[in-house]
Amino acid sequence: MLKAIQKKVCKYSKEEFIPRRNNQIFANKESRVAYHNDVSNAFRNKLSKTNKEIIKDYKVLDSILAEFGEITVNKFYLRGAGFSFTTFTNAKKMEKKQSIVYTILHFKS
């Protein structure tokens, strides 16, 4: 028994095509790649503001640590250097001082 060939509409380009597989949703490879590139770019654009703030804060901390090594500084000193306290990658509760320390994680390469 022959099945009727059913056309599908491409998820990206909206053109009609005859699928080669029953789970095919894109008309061709170019449409598939372009769709996934658009999805990835939209995700990266959402994160770009946060990533820029983290990179800026990391550069401030890196410049201070390069000059002084390990050091404890006042938050007003960091603010004056351009550090933003609104973005961080990790928070740790310090038991002895009953305070929370906010950090930017650094992974050595």
N, C-alpha and C. Protein backbone atom coordinates (compact mmCIF):
# COMPACT_ATOMS: atom_id res chain seq x y z
N MET A 1 0.84 -1.17 0.00
CA MET A 1 0.00 0.00 0.00
C MET A 1 0.89 1.24 0.00
N LEU A 2 0.66 2.13 -0.92
CA LEU A 2 1.45 3.34 -1.04
C LEU A 2 0.85 4.45 -0.20
N LYS A 3 1.75 5.15 0.50
CA LYS A 3 1.30 6.30 1.28
C LYS A 3 1.27 7.52 0.39
N ALA A 4 0.34 8.39 0.65
CA ALA A 4 0.28 9.66 -0.09
C ALA A 4 1.40 10.55 0.40
N ILE A 5 2.08 11.19 -0.52
CA ILE A 5 3.17 12.08 -0.15
C ILE A 5 2.56 13.37 0.37
N GLN A 6 2.92 13.67 1.61
CA GLN A 6 2.38 14.88 2.23
C GLN A 6 3.48 15.94 2.30
N LYS A 7 3.15 17.10 1.82
CA LYS A 7 4.10 18.20 1.89
C LYS A 7 4.07 18.81 3.29
N LYS A 8 5.22 19.33 3.69
CA LYS A 8 5.33 20.04 4.96
C LYS A 8 5.79 21.47 4.69
N VAL A 9 5.62 22.31 5.69
CA VAL A 9 6.08 23.70 5.59
C VAL A 9 7.32 23.84 6.46
N CYS A 10 8.37 24.40 5.90
CA CYS A 10 9.64 24.58 6.59
C CYS A 10 9.45 25.49 7.80
N LYS A 11 10.02 25.10 8.93
CA LYS A 11 9.90 25.86 10.16
C LYS A 11 10.59 27.22 10.07
N TYR A 12 11.60 27.35 9.23
CA TYR A 12 12.35 28.60 9.13
C TYR A 12 11.92 29.44 7.93
N SER A 13 11.95 28.86 6.74
CA SER A 13 11.70 29.64 5.52
C SER A 13 10.23 29.66 5.09
N LYS A 14 9.41 28.85 5.72
CA LYS A 14 7.96 28.75 5.43
C LYS A 14 7.65 28.26 4.02
N GLU A 15 8.64 27.67 3.36
CA GLU A 15 8.39 27.12 2.03
C GLU A 15 7.90 25.68 2.16
N GLU A 16 7.13 25.24 1.19
CA GLU A 16 6.65 23.86 1.19
C GLU A 16 7.73 22.95 0.64
N PHE A 17 7.82 21.75 1.20
CA PHE A 17 8.79 20.78 0.72
C PHE A 17 8.26 19.37 0.97
N ILE A 18 8.84 18.43 0.25
CA ILE A 18 8.50 17.02 0.44
C ILE A 18 9.59 16.44 1.34
N PRO A 19 9.24 16.00 2.55
CA PRO A 19 10.26 15.51 3.48
C PRO A 19 10.85 14.18 3.04
N ARG A 20 12.13 14.02 3.30
CA ARG A 20 12.80 12.74 3.02
C ARG A 20 12.67 11.80 4.21
N ARG A 21 12.42 12.37 5.39
CA ARG A 21 12.22 11.58 6.62
C ARG A 21 10.91 12.03 7.25
N ASN A 22 10.35 11.19 8.09
CA ASN A 22 9.07 11.56 8.68
C ASN A 22 9.21 12.63 9.76
N ASN A 23 10.41 12.85 10.29
CA ASN A 23 10.60 13.87 11.33
C ASN A 23 11.31 15.12 10.81
N GLN A 24 11.43 15.27 9.53
CA GLN A 24 12.11 16.42 8.93
C GLN A 24 11.23 17.66 9.05
N ILE A 25 11.82 18.75 9.60
CA ILE A 25 11.03 19.97 9.77
C ILE A 25 11.60 21.16 8.99
N PHE A 26 12.78 21.01 8.42
CA PHE A 26 13.38 22.07 7.62
C PHE A 26 13.49 21.61 6.17
N ALA A 27 13.34 22.56 5.25
CA ALA A 27 13.36 22.22 3.83
C ALA A 27 14.75 21.81 3.36
N ASN A 28 15.77 22.42 3.95
CA ASN A 28 17.14 22.10 3.53
C ASN A 28 18.11 22.41 4.67
N LYS A 29 19.37 22.08 4.43
CA LYS A 29 20.40 22.27 5.45
C LYS A 29 20.59 23.74 5.79
N GLU A 30 20.53 24.60 4.79
CA GLU A 30 20.73 26.03 5.01
C GLU A 30 19.67 26.60 5.95
N SER A 31 18.43 26.18 5.78
CA SER A 31 17.35 26.64 6.66
C SER A 31 17.56 26.14 8.09
N ARG A 32 18.00 24.90 8.23
CA ARG A 32 18.24 24.32 9.56
C ARG A 32 19.35 25.08 10.28
N VAL A 33 20.45 25.33 9.57
CA VAL A 33 21.58 26.05 10.17
C VAL A 33 21.19 27.48 10.51
N ALA A 34 20.49 28.16 9.60
CA ALA A 34 20.07 29.54 9.84
C ALA A 34 19.12 29.63 11.03
N TYR A 35 18.21 28.69 11.16
CA TYR A 35 17.28 28.68 12.29
C TYR A 35 18.04 28.55 13.61
N HIS A 36 18.95 27.59 13.70
CA HIS A 36 19.69 27.37 14.94
C HIS A 36 20.64 28.53 15.24
N ASN A 37 21.20 29.16 14.21
CA ASN A 37 22.02 30.36 14.42
C ASN A 37 21.18 31.50 14.99
N ASP A 38 19.97 31.69 14.48
CA ASP A 38 19.09 32.73 14.99
C ASP A 38 18.71 32.48 16.45
N VAL A 39 18.42 31.23 16.80
CA VAL A 39 18.09 30.89 18.18
C VAL A 39 19.28 31.16 19.10
N SER A 40 20.46 30.74 18.69
CA SER A 40 21.68 30.95 19.49
C SER A 40 22.00 32.44 19.64
N ASN A 41 21.86 33.20 18.56
CA ASN A 41 22.14 34.64 18.64
C ASN A 41 21.16 35.35 19.56
N ALA A 42 19.90 34.96 19.53
CA ALA A 42 18.91 35.56 20.43
C ALA A 42 19.28 35.28 21.89
N PHE A 43 19.73 34.07 22.18
CA PHE A 43 20.14 33.71 23.53
C PHE A 43 21.38 34.51 23.95
N ARG A 44 22.36 34.62 23.07
CA ARG A 44 23.58 35.38 23.38
C ARG A 44 23.26 36.86 23.57
N ASN A 45 22.33 37.40 22.80
CA ASN A 45 21.96 38.81 22.95
C ASN A 45 21.30 39.07 24.30
N LYS A 46 20.53 38.11 24.81
CA LYS A 46 19.92 38.27 26.13
C LYS A 46 20.99 38.33 27.21
N LEU A 47 22.06 37.56 27.04
CA LEU A 47 23.11 37.50 28.05
C LEU A 47 24.18 38.58 27.90
N SER A 48 24.19 39.30 26.80
CA SER A 48 25.30 40.20 26.50
C SER A 48 25.47 41.30 27.55
N LYS A 49 24.39 41.89 28.04
CA LYS A 49 24.51 42.95 29.04
C LYS A 49 25.13 42.42 30.32
N THR A 50 24.66 41.27 30.77
CA THR A 50 25.20 40.66 31.99
C THR A 50 26.66 40.29 31.80
N ASN A 51 26.98 39.69 30.68
CA ASN A 51 28.37 39.30 30.42
C ASN A 51 29.30 40.51 30.38
N LYS A 52 28.85 41.61 29.78
CA LYS A 52 29.67 42.82 29.72
C LYS A 52 29.94 43.35 31.12
N GLU A 53 28.93 43.34 32.01
CA GLU A 53 29.13 43.80 33.38
C GLU A 53 30.11 42.90 34.13
N ILE A 54 29.98 41.59 33.95
CA ILE A 54 30.88 40.66 34.63
C ILE A 54 32.31 40.85 34.13
N ILE A 55 32.49 41.02 32.84
CA ILE A 55 33.83 41.22 32.28
C ILE A 55 34.42 42.53 32.79
N LYS A 56 33.61 43.60 32.85
CA LYS A 56 34.10 44.88 33.35
C LYS A 56 34.52 44.74 34.81
N ASP A 57 33.70 44.10 35.64
CA ASP A 57 34.04 43.89 37.05
C ASP A 57 35.28 43.03 37.20
N TYR A 58 35.39 42.01 36.37
CA TYR A 58 36.57 41.15 36.42
C TYR A 58 37.83 41.94 36.11
N LYS A 59 37.76 42.83 35.12
CA LYS A 59 38.93 43.63 34.76
C LYS A 59 39.32 44.57 35.90
N VAL A 60 38.32 45.15 36.60
CA VAL A 60 38.62 46.01 37.74
C VAL A 60 39.33 45.21 38.82
N LEU A 61 38.80 44.04 39.15
CA LEU A 61 39.42 43.20 40.18
C LEU A 61 40.81 42.73 39.75
N ASP A 62 40.94 42.36 38.49
CA ASP A 62 42.22 41.88 37.99
C ASP A 62 43.29 42.97 38.07
N SER A 63 42.92 44.20 37.74
CA SER A 63 43.90 45.30 37.80
C SER A 63 44.30 45.59 39.25
N ILE A 64 43.36 45.52 40.17
CA ILE A 64 43.68 45.75 41.58
C ILE A 64 44.57 44.62 42.11
N LEU A 65 44.23 43.39 41.79
CA LEU A 65 45.01 42.26 42.29
C LEU A 65 46.39 42.19 41.63
N ALA A 66 46.49 42.62 40.38
CA ALA A 66 47.80 42.61 39.72
C ALA A 66 48.74 43.62 40.38
N GLU A 67 48.16 44.72 40.85
CA GLU A 67 48.97 45.76 41.47
C GLU A 67 49.33 45.42 42.92
N PHE A 68 48.37 44.88 43.68
CA PHE A 68 48.57 44.67 45.11
C PHE A 68 48.67 43.22 45.54
N GLY A 69 48.30 42.28 44.70
CA GLY A 69 48.23 40.88 45.13
C GLY A 69 46.97 40.69 45.95
N GLU A 70 47.03 39.90 46.98
CA GLU A 70 45.86 39.69 47.84
C GLU A 70 45.67 40.91 48.72
N ILE A 71 44.45 41.47 48.70
CA ILE A 71 44.21 42.72 49.43
C ILE A 71 42.73 42.78 49.81
N THR A 72 42.45 43.44 50.90
CA THR A 72 41.08 43.73 51.32
C THR A 72 40.86 45.22 51.13
N VAL A 73 39.81 45.58 50.40
CA VAL A 73 39.53 46.98 50.13
C VAL A 73 38.10 47.30 50.51
N ASN A 74 37.84 48.56 50.71
CA ASN A 74 36.52 49.05 51.04
C ASN A 74 35.65 49.05 49.79
N LYS A 75 34.35 48.87 49.98
CA LYS A 75 33.44 48.85 48.82
C LYS A 75 33.42 50.18 48.08
N PHE A 76 33.69 51.29 48.79
CA PHE A 76 33.71 52.60 48.13
C PHE A 76 34.92 52.72 47.20
N TYR A 77 36.02 52.07 47.55
CA TYR A 77 37.19 52.02 46.68
C TYR A 77 36.85 51.28 45.39
N LEU A 78 36.14 50.16 45.53
CA LEU A 78 35.75 49.39 44.35
C LEU A 78 34.77 50.17 43.49
N ARG A 79 33.81 50.83 44.12
CA ARG A 79 32.86 51.64 43.36
C ARG A 79 33.59 52.72 42.58
N GLY A 80 34.56 53.36 43.22
CA GLY A 80 35.34 54.40 42.55
C GLY A 80 36.14 53.87 41.38
N ALA A 81 36.52 52.59 41.45
CA ALA A 81 37.26 51.97 40.36
C ALA A 81 36.35 51.51 39.23
N GLY A 82 35.02 51.62 39.42
CA GLY A 82 34.08 51.24 38.38
C GLY A 82 33.44 49.89 38.58
N PHE A 83 33.63 49.30 39.74
CA PHE A 83 33.06 47.98 40.03
C PHE A 83 31.56 48.11 40.29
N SER A 84 30.78 47.19 39.75
CA SER A 84 29.34 47.17 39.95
C SER A 84 28.99 46.02 40.89
N PHE A 85 28.23 46.31 41.93
CA PHE A 85 27.87 45.29 42.91
C PHE A 85 26.55 44.60 42.56
N THR A 86 26.00 44.89 41.39
CA THR A 86 24.71 44.31 41.02
C THR A 86 24.84 42.96 40.33
N THR A 87 26.02 42.65 39.80
CA THR A 87 26.21 41.41 39.06
C THR A 87 27.32 40.59 39.70
N PHE A 88 27.03 39.31 39.95
CA PHE A 88 28.02 38.42 40.52
C PHE A 88 27.72 37.00 40.08
N THR A 89 28.68 36.10 40.24
CA THR A 89 28.48 34.72 39.81
C THR A 89 28.34 33.74 40.96
N ASN A 90 28.66 34.19 42.18
CA ASN A 90 28.61 33.27 43.30
C ASN A 90 28.38 34.06 44.58
N ALA A 91 27.63 33.48 45.52
CA ALA A 91 27.43 34.07 46.84
C ALA A 91 27.72 33.00 47.88
N LYS A 92 28.47 33.39 48.90
CA LYS A 92 28.85 32.43 49.94
C LYS A 92 28.58 33.05 51.30
N LYS A 93 27.90 32.30 52.16
CA LYS A 93 27.62 32.79 53.51
C LYS A 93 28.82 32.48 54.40
N MET A 94 29.35 33.51 55.04
CA MET A 94 30.48 33.37 55.94
C MET A 94 29.95 33.13 57.35
N GLU A 95 30.23 31.98 57.91
CA GLU A 95 29.68 31.61 59.22
C GLU A 95 30.24 32.47 60.35
N LYS A 96 31.53 32.75 60.34
CA LYS A 96 32.14 33.47 61.46
C LYS A 96 31.64 34.91 61.56
N LYS A 97 31.54 35.58 60.43
CA LYS A 97 31.16 37.00 60.45
C LYS A 97 29.67 37.20 60.23
N GLN A 98 28.92 36.13 59.98
CA GLN A 98 27.48 36.23 59.70
C GLN A 98 27.21 37.22 58.56
N SER A 99 27.98 37.10 57.48
CA SER A 99 27.80 37.97 56.32
C SER A 99 27.83 37.13 55.06
N ILE A 100 27.46 37.74 53.97
CA ILE A 100 27.47 37.07 52.68
C ILE A 100 28.53 37.74 51.80
N VAL A 101 29.35 36.93 51.18
CA VAL A 101 30.40 37.42 50.29
C VAL A 101 29.97 37.12 48.86
N TYR A 102 29.97 38.13 48.01
CA TYR A 102 29.62 37.98 46.61
C TYR A 102 30.92 37.94 45.80
N THR A 103 31.01 37.01 44.87
CA THR A 103 32.25 36.84 44.14
C THR A 103 32.01 36.71 42.64
N ILE A 104 33.07 36.93 41.90
CA ILE A 104 33.11 36.62 40.48
C ILE A 104 34.08 35.45 40.35
N LEU A 105 33.59 34.32 39.87
CA LEU A 105 34.43 33.14 39.79
C LEU A 105 35.49 33.31 38.71
N HIS A 106 36.66 32.80 38.99
CA HIS A 106 37.76 32.85 38.04
C HIS A 106 38.31 31.42 37.89
N PHE A 107 38.36 30.96 36.68
CA PHE A 107 38.90 29.62 36.40
C PHE A 107 40.24 29.80 35.73
N LYS A 108 41.26 29.22 36.33
CA LYS A 108 42.59 29.32 35.73
C LYS A 108 42.64 28.46 34.49
N SER A 109 43.26 28.99 33.45
CA SER A 109 43.33 28.24 32.20
C SER A 109 44.56 27.39 32.15
